[in-house]
Amino acid sequence: NGCFEQLQTVAQFSAAQRPGETFVGESPGAQDHTFVNIVWAAMVSAILGGGSLVGQRGHWISWKFGLCLLLLMATSCSGTAPNVTGTVRAVGRNTKGQLGDQTQGDSSSPVDVRDLDGVVAIAAGSEFSVFLFGDRTAKALGNNNVGQLGRGRIDGVQVAPAPVILSNVVAVAAGNAHALFLQGTKIVWAVGSNTHGQLGRFAFLNAPSPNPLRILLPNVAAIACGSEFSLFVLESGQARASGNNQFGQLATGSNTNVVTPQDCVGLVGVIAAAGGNAHSLFLLGNGKVKA
């Protein structure tokens, strides 16, 4: 219906929702700031369930132990024509411009993220922020010391939203200093730090990449980042992971770092994943969660 085109990325980004339910989205690996994405969950439920949209308000929350809070606001709708404003606000630490108010001063009160319109999803890295738009483009701002903004170059601080050099993006995720982008073709691209193999490409280990590297996995349905690792949910319900595995957070059955994505053992029917500093969560299709 009409809502699908405008909110398709919201639905695909979570991969955890079910008709008639509000849902909790994936929590990007952030150490210095946190995102809370407030949306009208009723809209997504109606999209997936084929019902009509009502003014029933829900919420979609991603969180991390951090020092910044960001809110993505959407308005209500009825029928098949939602009015999504995509307004983003931020509060907290801002040493690298990650709040998006185009200063580098911390703020204890919410400030508007400037020069943004039509945002449908957000992700938080340690000192950077990523925004996904309804037209399937993405922008990023904040620290770009290892190319984590996906701009094709390594430089200093970016206080205004800058385009990511990818199109047809339907989901974003951010770790400590790396980011993942899922395209509508079910292909994933990674940028930024690769100190532990979090970009999933052995040939580029220990070499940061400002240019997107393709993750060699087919049919990816959902993505998530931990601090220095990445999680991939496949359409088959399998999960794979790469990066820092010091505490076994990749669910590979060992504590060895993984530089190319490997199977997460003992997991089937996975529909969403979330990464923390050094642990992971996996949501199954039956509503159960494994960790």
Protein backbone atom coordinates (compact mmCIF):
# COMPACT_ATOMS: atom_id res chain seq x y z
CA ASN A 1 0.00 0.00 0.00
CA GLY A 2 1.01 3.66 0.06
CA CYS A 3 2.75 3.36 3.41
CA PHE A 4 5.03 0.62 2.18
CA GLU A 5 7.10 2.79 -0.12
CA GLN A 6 7.73 5.41 2.55
CA LEU A 7 8.46 3.03 5.42
CA GLN A 8 9.94 0.03 3.62
CA THR A 9 13.38 0.68 5.03
CA VAL A 10 12.02 0.90 8.56
CA ALA A 11 10.42 -2.52 8.22
CA GLN A 12 13.45 -4.11 6.61
CA PHE A 13 15.88 -2.52 9.05
CA SER A 14 14.42 -4.26 12.08
CA ALA A 15 13.49 -7.67 10.67
CA ALA A 16 12.10 -8.38 14.14
CA GLN A 17 8.57 -7.04 13.89
CA ARG A 18 5.35 -8.99 13.56
CA PRO A 19 1.86 -7.74 12.64
CA GLY A 20 0.11 -6.14 15.57
CA GLU A 21 3.23 -5.79 17.69
CA THR A 22 5.51 -2.97 18.64
CA PHE A 23 9.10 -4.04 18.43
CA VAL A 24 12.58 -3.48 19.67
CA GLY A 25 15.13 -2.81 16.94
CA GLU A 26 18.79 -3.67 16.68
CA SER A 27 21.11 -1.80 19.01
CA PRO A 28 24.17 -0.44 17.20
CA GLY A 29 27.53 -0.77 18.91
CA ALA A 30 27.98 2.64 20.44
CA GLN A 31 30.29 3.56 23.26
CA ASP A 32 29.96 7.32 23.41
CA HIS A 33 26.39 7.96 22.41
CA THR A 34 23.07 6.25 22.07
CA PHE A 35 20.17 6.37 19.65
CA VAL A 36 16.52 5.98 20.46
CA ASN A 37 14.38 5.69 17.35
CA ILE A 38 10.78 6.62 18.13
CA VAL A 39 8.40 5.67 15.36
CA TRP A 40 4.77 4.77 14.93
CA ALA A 41 4.99 1.01 15.21
CA ALA A 42 1.35 0.76 14.17
CA MET A 43 2.39 1.90 10.69
CA VAL A 44 4.89 -0.89 10.26
CA SER A 45 2.49 -3.43 11.72
CA ALA A 46 -0.16 -2.39 9.22
CA ILE A 47 2.31 -2.57 6.35
CA LEU A 48 3.25 -6.13 7.18
CA GLY A 49 -0.20 -7.26 8.17
CA GLY A 50 -2.13 -5.53 5.41
CA GLY A 51 -4.50 -3.72 7.79
CA SER A 52 -5.44 -0.06 8.05
CA LEU A 53 -3.30 2.45 9.91
CA VAL A 54 -4.57 3.96 13.12
CA GLY A 55 -3.35 6.51 15.63
CA GLN A 56 -2.07 3.89 18.03
CA ARG A 57 1.42 4.85 19.11
CA GLY A 58 4.26 2.42 19.67
CA HIS A 59 7.99 2.73 19.91
CA TRP A 60 11.14 1.29 18.40
CA ILE A 61 14.09 1.49 20.71
CA SER A 62 17.81 0.94 20.19
CA TRP A 63 20.11 1.68 23.07
CA LYS A 64 23.70 1.49 24.24
CA PHE A 65 25.67 2.37 27.34
CA GLY A 66 26.63 5.84 26.22
CA LEU A 67 26.56 9.55 26.69
CA CYS A 68 24.27 10.77 23.91
CA LEU A 69 20.63 10.29 23.07
CA LEU A 70 19.13 10.76 19.61
CA LEU A 71 15.46 10.74 18.67
CA LEU A 72 13.94 10.15 15.25
CA MET A 73 10.38 11.46 15.19
CA ALA A 74 7.54 10.39 12.93
CA THR A 75 3.99 11.67 12.83
CA SER A 76 0.83 9.59 12.91
CA CYS A 77 -1.20 8.66 9.87
CA SER A 78 -4.47 7.07 8.88
CA GLY A 79 -5.43 5.24 5.73
CA THR A 80 -2.51 4.66 3.37
CA ALA A 81 -0.66 7.97 3.29
CA PRO A 82 1.62 8.46 6.32
CA ASN A 83 3.19 11.82 6.98
CA VAL A 84 6.71 10.92 8.09
CA THR A 85 8.70 13.97 9.11
CA GLY A 86 12.02 12.29 9.77
CA THR A 87 13.04 14.90 12.34
CA VAL A 88 16.12 13.97 14.38
CA ARG A 89 17.21 15.40 17.73
CA ALA A 90 20.33 14.68 19.76
CA VAL A 91 21.73 15.23 23.22
CA GLY A 92 24.97 14.44 25.03
CA ARG A 93 28.62 14.25 24.04
CA ASN A 94 29.63 16.10 20.89
CA THR A 95 33.43 16.22 20.77
CA LYS A 96 33.50 15.08 17.14
CA GLY A 97 30.29 16.74 15.99
CA GLN A 98 28.28 13.52 16.35
CA LEU A 99 25.17 15.37 17.58
CA GLY A 100 24.80 17.01 14.19
CA ASP A 101 24.06 20.54 15.41
CA GLN A 102 27.21 21.60 13.53
CA THR A 103 29.10 22.49 16.70
CA GLN A 104 31.46 20.45 18.83
CA GLY A 105 29.96 21.43 22.15
CA ASP A 106 28.29 18.90 24.43
CA SER A 107 24.60 19.40 25.12
CA SER A 108 22.49 18.32 28.08
CA SER A 109 19.29 19.33 26.27
CA PRO A 110 18.10 17.90 22.93
CA VAL A 111 19.28 19.81 19.87
CA ASP A 112 18.13 19.54 16.27
CA VAL A 113 20.32 17.61 13.89
CA ARG A 114 20.64 20.17 11.11
CA ASP A 115 20.23 19.77 7.36
CA LEU A 116 18.25 16.51 7.54
CA ASP A 117 14.83 15.71 6.13
CA GLY A 118 13.04 12.44 5.53
CA VAL A 119 15.14 10.24 7.81
CA VAL A 120 13.68 6.76 8.38
CA ALA A 121 16.41 5.03 10.38
CA ILE A 122 19.47 5.93 12.43
CA ALA A 123 22.60 4.25 13.81
CA ALA A 124 25.18 5.30 16.39
CA GLY A 125 28.89 4.68 16.36
CA SER A 126 31.31 5.65 19.09
CA GLU A 127 31.89 9.17 17.77
CA PHE A 128 29.83 9.24 14.60
CA SER A 129 26.23 9.03 13.46
CA VAL A 130 24.57 7.51 10.39
CA PHE A 131 21.20 8.45 8.89
CA LEU A 132 19.10 6.52 6.38
CA PHE A 133 16.58 8.33 4.18
CA GLY A 134 13.38 7.25 2.52
CA ASP A 135 14.97 7.50 -0.90
CA ARG A 136 17.48 4.82 0.16
CA THR A 137 20.43 7.16 0.42
CA ALA A 138 22.50 7.56 3.58
CA LYS A 139 24.48 10.34 5.21
CA ALA A 140 26.91 10.38 8.12
CA LEU A 141 28.71 12.84 10.35
CA GLY A 142 31.19 12.94 13.22
CA ASN A 143 34.62 11.36 13.48
CA ASN A 144 36.05 10.06 10.19
CA ASN A 145 39.57 9.20 11.32
CA VAL A 146 39.38 5.69 9.83
CA GLY A 147 36.85 6.34 7.08
CA GLN A 148 33.85 5.16 9.10
CA LEU A 149 31.56 7.76 7.48
CA GLY A 150 31.70 5.96 4.13
CA ARG A 151 32.72 9.07 2.21
CA GLY A 152 35.57 7.44 0.32
CA ARG A 153 38.30 9.22 2.24
CA ILE A 154 39.87 9.52 5.68
CA ASP A 155 39.87 12.96 7.23
CA GLY A 156 39.02 14.67 10.50
CA VAL A 157 35.71 15.80 11.90
CA GLN A 158 32.60 16.17 9.73
CA VAL A 159 30.05 18.33 11.55
CA ALA A 160 27.46 18.48 8.74
CA PRO A 161 25.77 15.41 7.24
CA ALA A 162 27.79 14.15 4.26
CA PRO A 163 26.60 11.60 1.66
CA VAL A 164 27.69 7.99 1.95
CA ILE A 165 28.95 6.78 -1.42
CA LEU A 166 26.34 4.03 -1.71
CA SER A 167 22.81 3.93 -3.10
CA ASN A 168 19.80 1.65 -2.62
CA VAL A 169 20.54 1.36 1.10
CA VAL A 170 17.79 -0.21 3.22
CA ALA A 171 19.54 -0.63 6.59
CA VAL A 172 22.47 0.85 8.48
CA ALA A 173 24.45 -0.23 11.53
CA ALA A 174 27.37 1.32 13.37
CA GLY A 175 30.09 -0.03 15.64
CA ASN A 176 32.89 1.61 17.54
CA ALA A 177 34.63 2.84 14.39
CA HIS A 178 33.04 0.91 11.53
CA ALA A 179 29.70 0.90 9.76
CA LEU A 180 27.62 -1.54 7.72
CA PHE A 181 25.18 -0.75 4.92
CA LEU A 182 22.63 -3.26 3.62
CA GLN A 183 21.37 -2.65 0.09
CA GLY A 184 18.02 -3.65 -1.37
CA THR A 185 19.89 -6.28 -3.39
CA LYS A 186 20.67 -8.04 -0.04
CA ILE A 187 24.34 -7.14 -0.35
CA VAL A 188 26.26 -5.67 2.59
CA TRP A 189 29.07 -3.13 2.41
CA ALA A 190 31.44 -2.19 5.25
CA VAL A 191 33.65 0.83 5.96
CA GLY A 192 35.99 2.00 8.68
CA SER A 193 38.23 0.20 11.13
CA ASN A 194 39.23 -3.42 10.51
CA THR A 195 41.53 -4.02 13.47
CA HIS A 196 39.80 -7.28 14.39
CA GLY A 197 38.31 -8.32 11.06
CA GLN A 198 35.01 -6.52 11.66
CA LEU A 199 34.84 -5.55 7.98
CA GLY A 200 34.77 -9.24 7.11
CA ARG A 201 37.60 -9.10 4.58
CA PHE A 202 40.88 -10.83 5.48
CA ALA A 203 42.83 -9.08 2.72
CA PHE A 204 42.18 -5.74 4.43
CA LEU A 205 42.91 -6.81 8.03
CA ASN A 206 44.36 -3.96 10.13
CA ALA A 207 43.84 -1.55 7.23
CA PRO A 208 40.97 0.93 7.63
CA SER A 209 38.79 1.30 4.56
CA PRO A 210 37.06 4.58 3.70
CA ASN A 211 35.76 2.95 0.52
CA PRO A 212 32.97 0.41 0.97
CA LEU A 213 34.11 -3.22 0.98
CA ARG A 214 31.61 -5.82 -0.11
CA ILE A 215 30.88 -8.53 2.44
CA LEU A 216 30.99 -11.82 0.57
CA LEU A 217 27.68 -13.17 1.84
CA PRO A 218 24.52 -13.86 -0.17
CA ASN A 219 20.95 -12.93 0.71
CA VAL A 220 21.54 -10.91 3.86
CA ALA A 221 18.29 -9.90 5.57
CA ALA A 222 19.52 -7.89 8.56
CA ILE A 223 22.73 -6.45 9.99
CA ALA A 224 24.07 -5.35 13.37
CA CYS A 225 27.34 -4.08 14.78
CA GLY A 226 29.02 -4.62 18.09
CA SER A 227 31.89 -2.47 19.22
CA GLU A 228 34.50 -4.26 17.07
CA PHE A 229 32.47 -6.99 15.40
CA SER A 230 29.69 -7.44 12.87
CA LEU A 231 26.62 -9.68 12.74
CA PHE A 232 24.77 -10.78 9.62
CA VAL A 233 21.35 -12.45 9.47
CA LEU A 234 20.68 -14.38 6.29
CA GLU A 235 17.29 -14.95 4.69
CA SER A 236 17.72 -18.65 5.51
CA GLY A 237 17.56 -17.84 9.22
CA GLN A 238 21.26 -18.49 9.74
CA ALA A 239 23.54 -15.95 11.39
CA ARG A 240 27.18 -15.22 10.64
CA ALA A 241 29.72 -12.99 12.32
CA SER A 242 33.20 -11.53 12.02
CA GLY A 243 35.55 -9.44 14.13
CA ASN A 244 36.60 -9.37 17.76
CA ASN A 245 35.74 -12.62 19.52
CA GLN A 246 37.68 -12.25 22.76
CA PHE A 247 34.72 -13.27 24.89
CA GLY A 248 33.07 -15.59 22.39
CA GLN A 249 30.57 -12.93 21.36
CA LEU A 250 30.51 -14.20 17.77
CA ALA A 251 28.92 -17.51 18.80
CA THR A 252 31.41 -19.50 16.72
CA GLY A 253 32.21 -21.89 19.55
CA SER A 254 35.64 -20.40 20.26
CA ASN A 255 37.34 -17.21 21.40
CA THR A 256 39.37 -16.75 18.22
CA ASN A 257 38.92 -13.58 16.22
CA VAL A 258 37.16 -14.09 12.89
CA VAL A 259 38.35 -12.14 9.85
CA THR A 260 35.80 -13.49 7.35
CA PRO A 261 32.19 -14.17 8.38
CA GLN A 262 31.66 -17.58 9.99
CA ASP A 263 28.53 -19.44 11.05
CA CYS A 264 27.10 -18.73 14.48
CA VAL A 265 26.69 -22.22 15.92
CA GLY A 266 23.49 -23.47 17.51
CA LEU A 267 21.32 -20.81 15.92
CA VAL A 268 18.47 -21.40 13.46
CA GLY A 269 15.47 -19.29 12.57
CA VAL A 270 17.21 -16.02 13.40
CA ILE A 271 15.36 -12.88 12.28
CA ALA A 272 17.38 -10.13 13.99
CA ALA A 273 20.60 -9.59 15.88
CA ALA A 274 22.09 -6.99 18.20
CA GLY A 275 25.66 -6.38 19.26
CA GLY A 276 27.03 -4.81 22.43
CA ASN A 277 30.56 -4.03 23.49
CA ALA A 278 31.42 -7.73 23.90
CA HIS A 279 28.19 -9.70 23.71
CA SER A 280 25.49 -10.50 21.14
CA LEU A 281 21.75 -11.17 21.10
CA PHE A 282 19.82 -13.14 18.49
CA LEU A 283 16.06 -12.91 18.07
CA LEU A 284 14.40 -16.06 16.72
CA GLY A 285 11.24 -16.26 14.67
CA ASN A 286 9.42 -17.96 17.56
CA GLY A 287 9.93 -14.88 19.73
CA LYS A 288 12.71 -16.35 21.82
CA VAL A 289 16.09 -14.68 22.29
CA LYS A 290 19.48 -16.36 22.49
CA ALA A 291 22.65 -14.72 23.79
